[in-house]
Every structure is written in structure tokens, then in C-alpha cells.
N, C-alpha and C. Protein backbone atom coordinates (compact mmCIF):
# COMPACT_ATOMS: atom_id res chain seq x y z
N MET A 1 -13.45 -2.87 11.63
CA MET A 1 -12.73 -2.20 12.68
C MET A 1 -13.68 -1.38 13.56
N THR A 2 -13.34 -1.23 14.75
CA THR A 2 -14.14 -0.37 15.57
C THR A 2 -13.74 1.10 15.29
N ASP A 3 -14.51 2.03 15.70
CA ASP A 3 -14.14 3.46 15.48
C ASP A 3 -12.86 3.86 16.06
N THR A 4 -12.55 3.27 17.30
CA THR A 4 -11.32 3.60 17.98
C THR A 4 -10.12 3.00 17.24
N VAL A 5 -10.15 1.78 16.85
CA VAL A 5 -9.11 1.09 16.12
C VAL A 5 -9.01 1.83 14.72
N ARG A 6 -10.11 2.25 14.11
CA ARG A 6 -9.93 2.94 12.86
C ARG A 6 -9.23 4.30 13.00
N ALA A 7 -9.55 4.99 14.14
CA ALA A 7 -8.85 6.26 14.35
C ALA A 7 -7.38 6.09 14.57
N LEU A 8 -7.03 5.01 15.27
CA LEU A 8 -5.63 4.69 15.58
C LEU A 8 -4.94 4.29 14.28
N TYR A 9 -5.56 3.46 13.45
CA TYR A 9 -5.03 3.00 12.14
C TYR A 9 -4.69 4.30 11.23
N ASP A 10 -5.80 5.17 11.13
CA ASP A 10 -5.61 6.39 10.36
C ASP A 10 -4.51 7.25 10.87
N TYR A 11 -4.33 7.37 12.16
CA TYR A 11 -3.27 8.10 12.76
C TYR A 11 -1.89 7.53 12.38
N VAL A 12 -1.73 6.21 12.61
CA VAL A 12 -0.48 5.51 12.33
C VAL A 12 -0.12 5.64 10.85
N LEU A 13 -1.13 5.45 10.01
CA LEU A 13 -0.97 5.59 8.50
C LEU A 13 -0.50 6.99 8.16
N GLU A 14 -1.09 7.97 8.74
CA GLU A 14 -0.82 9.35 8.33
C GLU A 14 0.53 9.88 8.97
N ASN A 15 0.86 9.44 10.10
CA ASN A 15 1.96 10.00 10.94
C ASN A 15 3.11 9.13 11.22
N ARG A 16 2.94 7.85 11.13
CA ARG A 16 4.03 6.95 11.54
C ARG A 16 4.52 6.05 10.37
N PHE A 17 3.65 5.64 9.50
CA PHE A 17 3.90 4.58 8.52
C PHE A 17 5.10 4.86 7.61
N SER A 18 5.19 6.11 7.13
CA SER A 18 6.21 6.43 6.14
C SER A 18 7.64 6.34 6.80
N ALA A 19 7.70 6.50 8.06
CA ALA A 19 8.99 6.47 8.75
C ALA A 19 9.64 5.11 8.67
N PHE A 20 8.77 4.05 8.38
CA PHE A 20 9.32 2.73 8.28
C PHE A 20 9.63 2.33 6.85
N LEU A 21 9.41 3.30 5.91
CA LEU A 21 9.70 2.98 4.50
C LEU A 21 10.87 3.80 4.03
N THR A 22 11.90 3.90 4.85
CA THR A 22 13.08 4.78 4.56
C THR A 22 14.29 3.98 4.06
N ASP A 23 14.23 2.73 4.04
CA ASP A 23 15.46 1.91 3.70
C ASP A 23 15.63 2.00 2.16
N ARG A 24 16.87 1.68 1.82
CA ARG A 24 17.26 1.70 0.38
C ARG A 24 16.56 0.64 -0.41
N GLU A 25 16.29 -0.49 0.26
CA GLU A 25 15.60 -1.62 -0.53
C GLU A 25 14.23 -1.13 -0.93
N TYR A 26 13.50 -0.51 -0.02
CA TYR A 26 12.12 -0.04 -0.40
C TYR A 26 12.20 0.96 -1.56
N HIS A 27 13.10 1.93 -1.54
CA HIS A 27 13.16 2.90 -2.61
C HIS A 27 13.63 2.30 -3.91
N THR A 28 14.47 1.31 -3.77
CA THR A 28 14.89 0.66 -4.99
C THR A 28 13.74 -0.06 -5.73
N VAL A 29 13.00 -0.85 -4.84
CA VAL A 29 11.85 -1.57 -5.46
C VAL A 29 10.77 -0.63 -5.92
N ASP A 30 10.54 0.44 -5.30
CA ASP A 30 9.46 1.42 -5.55
C ASP A 30 9.91 2.07 -6.99
N SER A 31 11.16 2.44 -7.06
CA SER A 31 11.64 3.02 -8.39
C SER A 31 11.47 2.02 -9.46
N LEU A 32 11.82 0.69 -9.23
CA LEU A 32 11.74 -0.31 -10.26
C LEU A 32 10.28 -0.49 -10.66
N VAL A 33 9.46 -0.59 -9.76
CA VAL A 33 7.96 -0.67 -10.14
C VAL A 33 7.53 0.48 -10.93
N GLU A 34 7.83 1.69 -10.59
CA GLU A 34 7.49 2.88 -11.37
C GLU A 34 8.07 2.89 -12.77
N ALA A 35 9.25 2.46 -12.85
CA ALA A 35 9.95 2.39 -14.18
C ALA A 35 9.22 1.41 -15.04
N HIS A 36 8.99 0.24 -14.50
CA HIS A 36 8.18 -0.90 -15.28
C HIS A 36 6.85 -0.29 -15.68
N LEU A 37 6.12 0.29 -14.82
CA LEU A 37 4.82 0.76 -15.03
C LEU A 37 4.80 1.84 -16.15
N ASP A 38 5.80 2.79 -16.09
CA ASP A 38 5.94 3.75 -17.01
C ASP A 38 6.27 3.18 -18.46
N ALA A 39 7.12 2.27 -18.44
CA ALA A 39 7.45 1.58 -19.73
C ALA A 39 6.26 0.89 -20.36
N LEU A 40 5.53 0.19 -19.58
CA LEU A 40 4.27 -0.39 -20.04
C LEU A 40 3.33 0.64 -20.65
N ARG A 41 3.17 1.67 -19.79
CA ARG A 41 2.15 2.73 -20.23
C ARG A 41 2.59 3.31 -21.69
N ARG A 42 3.90 3.53 -21.78
CA ARG A 42 4.39 4.04 -23.10
C ARG A 42 4.23 3.06 -24.23
N GLU A 43 4.30 1.74 -24.04
CA GLU A 43 4.32 0.84 -25.05
C GLU A 43 2.77 0.32 -25.41
N LEU A 44 1.94 0.56 -24.47
CA LEU A 44 0.53 -0.01 -24.81
C LEU A 44 -0.34 0.98 -25.54
N PRO A 45 -1.17 0.42 -26.33
CA PRO A 45 -2.23 1.26 -26.94
C PRO A 45 -3.14 1.89 -25.82
N GLN A 46 -3.94 2.88 -26.14
CA GLN A 46 -4.74 3.60 -25.27
C GLN A 46 -5.64 2.71 -24.40
N ASP A 47 -6.39 1.81 -25.12
CA ASP A 47 -7.38 0.93 -24.43
C ASP A 47 -6.72 0.06 -23.44
N GLN A 48 -5.51 -0.48 -23.80
CA GLN A 48 -4.81 -1.35 -22.85
C GLN A 48 -4.20 -0.52 -21.68
N ARG A 49 -3.72 0.73 -21.95
CA ARG A 49 -3.34 1.59 -20.86
C ARG A 49 -4.44 1.85 -19.87
N GLU A 50 -5.58 2.01 -20.33
CA GLU A 50 -6.73 2.16 -19.37
C GLU A 50 -7.01 0.95 -18.51
N ARG A 51 -6.84 -0.22 -19.17
CA ARG A 51 -6.98 -1.45 -18.51
C ARG A 51 -5.90 -1.71 -17.47
N LEU A 52 -4.69 -1.30 -17.85
CA LEU A 52 -3.59 -1.35 -16.88
C LEU A 52 -3.83 -0.36 -15.65
N ASP A 53 -4.32 0.80 -15.94
CA ASP A 53 -4.56 1.74 -14.89
C ASP A 53 -5.64 1.21 -13.94
N LYS A 54 -6.62 0.48 -14.45
CA LYS A 54 -7.68 -0.05 -13.66
C LYS A 54 -7.16 -1.21 -12.73
N LEU A 55 -6.23 -1.96 -13.50
CA LEU A 55 -5.49 -3.02 -12.71
C LEU A 55 -4.72 -2.38 -11.53
N TRP A 56 -3.95 -1.35 -11.81
CA TRP A 56 -3.10 -0.71 -10.89
C TRP A 56 -3.97 -0.23 -9.73
N ASP A 57 -5.05 0.47 -10.02
CA ASP A 57 -5.99 0.93 -9.00
C ASP A 57 -6.55 -0.18 -8.14
N ALA A 58 -6.92 -1.33 -8.70
CA ALA A 58 -7.40 -2.41 -7.96
C ALA A 58 -6.38 -3.03 -7.08
N LEU A 59 -5.11 -3.02 -7.54
CA LEU A 59 -4.06 -3.60 -6.74
C LEU A 59 -3.76 -2.65 -5.60
N GLY A 60 -3.92 -1.30 -5.85
CA GLY A 60 -3.83 -0.42 -4.73
C GLY A 60 -4.94 -0.55 -3.66
N ASP A 61 -6.12 -0.80 -4.08
CA ASP A 61 -7.19 -1.17 -3.21
C ASP A 61 -6.83 -2.40 -2.41
N GLN A 62 -6.40 -3.41 -3.13
CA GLN A 62 -6.00 -4.66 -2.47
C GLN A 62 -5.02 -4.40 -1.39
N ARG A 63 -4.03 -3.64 -1.73
CA ARG A 63 -2.92 -3.43 -0.81
C ARG A 63 -3.44 -2.65 0.43
N GLY A 64 -4.31 -1.77 0.16
CA GLY A 64 -4.86 -1.07 1.40
C GLY A 64 -5.58 -2.00 2.33
N ILE A 65 -6.31 -2.92 1.82
CA ILE A 65 -7.08 -3.85 2.53
C ILE A 65 -6.19 -4.72 3.35
N GLU A 66 -5.11 -5.13 2.64
CA GLU A 66 -4.11 -6.03 3.26
C GLU A 66 -3.30 -5.22 4.38
N LEU A 67 -3.06 -3.90 4.16
CA LEU A 67 -2.38 -3.21 5.20
C LEU A 67 -3.34 -3.05 6.44
N GLU A 68 -4.62 -2.81 6.23
CA GLU A 68 -5.58 -2.83 7.40
C GLU A 68 -5.58 -4.15 8.11
N ALA A 69 -5.61 -5.23 7.34
CA ALA A 69 -5.55 -6.56 8.01
C ALA A 69 -4.27 -6.74 8.81
N MET A 70 -3.10 -6.23 8.32
CA MET A 70 -1.84 -6.47 8.99
C MET A 70 -1.94 -5.58 10.22
N PHE A 71 -2.53 -4.38 10.19
CA PHE A 71 -2.62 -3.55 11.30
C PHE A 71 -3.46 -4.25 12.44
N GLN A 72 -4.58 -4.81 11.97
CA GLN A 72 -5.48 -5.46 12.88
C GLN A 72 -4.81 -6.66 13.54
N ALA A 73 -4.04 -7.33 12.83
CA ALA A 73 -3.36 -8.57 13.31
C ALA A 73 -2.27 -8.08 14.37
N ALA A 74 -1.58 -7.06 14.05
CA ALA A 74 -0.56 -6.52 15.02
C ALA A 74 -1.25 -5.95 16.22
N TRP A 75 -2.37 -5.30 16.00
CA TRP A 75 -3.11 -4.71 17.22
C TRP A 75 -3.58 -5.83 18.13
N ALA A 76 -4.09 -6.95 17.52
CA ALA A 76 -4.54 -8.04 18.34
C ALA A 76 -3.39 -8.66 19.05
N ALA A 77 -2.29 -8.89 18.38
CA ALA A 77 -1.09 -9.39 19.02
C ALA A 77 -0.60 -8.66 20.17
N ALA A 78 -0.64 -7.28 19.97
CA ALA A 78 -0.21 -6.41 21.07
C ALA A 78 -1.11 -6.50 22.25
N ARG A 79 -2.37 -6.52 21.99
CA ARG A 79 -3.35 -6.66 23.10
C ARG A 79 -3.16 -8.04 23.88
N GLU A 80 -2.82 -9.09 23.15
CA GLU A 80 -2.61 -10.38 23.77
C GLU A 80 -1.33 -10.40 24.62
N LEU A 81 -0.36 -9.57 24.24
CA LEU A 81 0.87 -9.59 24.94
C LEU A 81 0.83 -8.58 26.17
N ALA A 82 -0.13 -7.72 26.15
CA ALA A 82 -0.29 -6.68 27.25
C ALA A 82 -0.82 -7.30 28.53
């Protein structure tokens, strides 16, 4: 990403993104994921909980990369339409 696109991405992520995550479906799925994750953490031995946490962190990193790619794709499409 160029510095300008990065600045725009950061702005959108910090100031606009959450406004699009307000529907009931998102909150239902988010709660379900948290409930399953909490249940797994309670049931797993310590070493496996640590492995689960590392997996969760890696999935978060992957999601961040995917969000950046989605933003870049949307930015490119918007520029093509302009």
C-alpha cells in the first residue's frame, strides 16, 4: 500500500468500519464465536490452551491481511469507476 492509501485505510478502519458491523447477524455470530472459544479454553489443558491462543492470534493476523486486501480491491474498483 502506498502511504496515502495506508492513511486512508487506517482512517476508515478507526472511524468508519465499526458502523458497518451493527446488524444482529454480526453480533450473533460474534457472540457464538466467543462462546465456543471460551468453552474450548475451559476444557483444554494449559499447553493446548496456549496453542489455541496462538492459532487465534494467527487467524486474527490473517483476517487483518484479508481486510487490507479487501480495502485495496474496493479502492481500485472505486478508482476505475471514477
